[in-house]
C-alpha cells in the first residue's frame, strides 16, 4: 500500500545568537564585579545563563 509521507514538526524555532552592543555587555559584566554580586543572579536578571 503506497501512501504519501507526512512530515510532522513540533514548531520549534532555531536558536539565534543574540547581538549585544558592547556597552550593554560591559554593564552586565561590571555588575558581576560588585562586592557580594552573584554571577548567577546577574545572569538570571538579564535572561542569560551563568556560563
N, C-alpha and C. Protein backbone atom coordinates (compact mmCIF):
# COMPACT_ATOMS: atom_id res chain seq x y z
N UNK A 1 0.84 -1.17 0.00
CA UNK A 1 0.00 0.00 0.00
C UNK A 1 0.89 1.23 0.00
N UNK A 2 0.74 2.07 -1.00
CA UNK A 2 1.51 3.31 -1.07
C UNK A 2 0.68 4.46 -0.51
N UNK A 3 1.30 5.20 0.40
CA UNK A 3 0.63 6.36 0.99
C UNK A 3 1.62 7.52 1.01
N UNK A 4 1.14 8.71 0.87
CA UNK A 4 2.06 9.84 0.92
C UNK A 4 2.68 9.97 2.32
N UNK A 5 3.94 10.35 2.35
CA UNK A 5 4.61 10.53 3.62
C UNK A 5 4.34 11.93 4.15
N UNK A 6 4.05 12.01 5.42
CA UNK A 6 3.76 13.30 6.03
C UNK A 6 4.83 13.60 7.07
N UNK A 7 5.40 14.77 7.00
CA UNK A 7 6.43 15.17 7.95
C UNK A 7 5.80 16.05 9.01
N UNK A 8 5.91 15.62 10.26
CA UNK A 8 5.35 16.39 11.37
C UNK A 8 6.48 17.12 12.09
N UNK A 9 6.25 18.36 12.38
CA UNK A 9 7.25 19.12 13.13
C UNK A 9 6.60 19.65 14.40
N UNK A 10 7.43 19.94 15.37
CA UNK A 10 6.88 20.46 16.61
C UNK A 10 6.86 21.99 16.65
N UNK A 11 7.23 22.62 15.57
CA UNK A 11 7.19 24.08 15.51
C UNK A 11 8.35 24.75 16.24
N UNK A 12 9.35 23.97 16.63
CA UNK A 12 10.49 24.55 17.36
C UNK A 12 11.24 25.52 16.46
N UNK A 13 11.64 26.61 17.05
CA UNK A 13 12.39 27.61 16.30
C UNK A 13 13.88 27.34 16.44
N UNK A 14 14.61 27.75 15.42
CA UNK A 14 16.06 27.63 15.51
C UNK A 14 16.60 28.65 16.49
N UNK A 15 17.57 28.26 17.26
CA UNK A 15 18.18 29.16 18.22
C UNK A 15 18.98 30.23 17.46
N UNK A 16 18.81 31.45 17.86
CA UNK A 16 19.54 32.54 17.22
C UNK A 16 20.43 33.21 18.26
N UNK A 17 21.67 33.41 17.90
CA UNK A 17 22.57 34.10 18.82
C UNK A 17 22.16 35.55 18.95
N UNK A 18 22.22 36.04 20.17
CA UNK A 18 21.86 37.42 20.43
C UNK A 18 23.01 38.33 20.03
N UNK A 19 22.68 39.50 19.61
CA UNK A 19 23.69 40.51 19.28
C UNK A 19 23.61 41.59 20.35
N UNK A 20 24.54 41.58 21.27
CA UNK A 20 24.56 42.55 22.36
C UNK A 20 25.51 43.68 22.01
N UNK A 21 25.08 44.92 22.16
CA UNK A 21 26.00 46.05 21.98
C UNK A 21 27.11 45.98 23.05
N UNK A 22 28.29 46.44 22.71
CA UNK A 22 29.42 46.36 23.63
C UNK A 22 29.15 47.06 24.97
N UNK A 23 28.45 48.19 24.94
CA UNK A 23 28.20 48.90 26.20
C UNK A 23 27.27 48.11 27.12
N UNK A 24 26.34 47.37 26.54
CA UNK A 24 25.44 46.54 27.36
C UNK A 24 26.22 45.39 27.97
N UNK A 25 27.07 44.74 27.18
CA UNK A 25 27.90 43.66 27.71
C UNK A 25 28.76 44.16 28.87
N UNK A 26 29.36 45.33 28.67
CA UNK A 26 30.24 45.89 29.70
C UNK A 26 29.47 46.16 30.99
N UNK A 27 28.25 46.68 30.87
CA UNK A 27 27.44 46.95 32.07
C UNK A 27 27.08 45.67 32.80
N UNK A 28 26.74 44.62 32.07
CA UNK A 28 26.38 43.35 32.69
C UNK A 28 27.60 42.75 33.41
N UNK A 29 28.74 42.77 32.74
CA UNK A 29 29.96 42.24 33.36
C UNK A 29 30.32 43.07 34.59
N UNK A 30 30.19 44.38 34.50
CA UNK A 30 30.51 45.24 35.64
C UNK A 30 29.64 44.91 36.85
N UNK A 31 28.39 44.55 36.61
CA UNK A 31 27.51 44.16 37.72
C UNK A 31 28.06 42.97 38.48
N UNK A 32 28.68 42.04 37.77
CA UNK A 32 29.21 40.83 38.42
C UNK A 32 30.44 41.13 39.25
N UNK A 33 31.09 42.26 39.02
CA UNK A 33 32.32 42.61 39.74
C UNK A 33 32.05 43.37 41.03
N UNK A 34 30.82 43.73 41.27
CA UNK A 34 30.48 44.44 42.50
C UNK A 34 30.61 43.50 43.70
N UNK A 35 31.05 44.03 44.84
CA UNK A 35 31.17 43.19 46.04
C UNK A 35 29.82 42.54 46.39
N UNK A 36 29.87 41.25 46.63
CA UNK A 36 28.67 40.50 47.01
C UNK A 36 27.78 40.09 45.85
N UNK A 37 28.15 40.48 44.63
CA UNK A 37 27.32 40.13 43.47
C UNK A 37 27.49 38.65 43.12
N UNK A 38 26.43 38.06 42.65
CA UNK A 38 26.45 36.67 42.21
C UNK A 38 26.30 36.64 40.69
N UNK A 39 27.22 35.95 40.03
CA UNK A 39 27.15 35.85 38.56
C UNK A 39 25.82 35.23 38.16
N UNK A 40 25.40 34.22 38.91
CA UNK A 40 24.14 33.55 38.60
C UNK A 40 22.96 34.53 38.70
N UNK A 41 22.94 35.34 39.75
CA UNK A 41 21.83 36.29 39.94
C UNK A 41 21.82 37.36 38.85
N UNK A 42 23.01 37.85 38.51
CA UNK A 42 23.08 38.87 37.45
C UNK A 42 22.63 38.27 36.12
N UNK A 43 23.09 37.06 35.82
CA UNK A 43 22.70 36.40 34.57
C UNK A 43 21.19 36.21 34.51
N UNK A 44 20.62 35.72 35.58
CA UNK A 44 19.17 35.49 35.63
C UNK A 44 18.40 36.78 35.42
N UNK A 45 18.85 37.85 36.05
CA UNK A 45 18.19 39.13 35.93
C UNK A 45 18.16 39.65 34.48
N UNK A 46 19.17 39.25 33.72
CA UNK A 46 19.26 39.68 32.32
C UNK A 46 18.79 38.62 31.34
N UNK A 47 18.22 37.55 31.85
CA UNK A 47 17.70 36.48 30.97
C UNK A 47 18.79 35.66 30.33
N UNK A 48 19.92 35.51 31.02
CA UNK A 48 21.07 34.76 30.48
C UNK A 48 21.35 33.55 31.33
N UNK A 49 22.18 32.66 30.80
CA UNK A 49 22.70 31.54 31.58
C UNK A 49 24.03 31.97 32.18
N UNK A 50 24.33 31.50 33.36
CA UNK A 50 25.52 31.94 34.08
C UNK A 50 26.83 31.52 33.41
N UNK A 51 26.79 30.56 32.52
CA UNK A 51 28.05 30.12 31.90
C UNK A 51 28.52 31.10 30.88
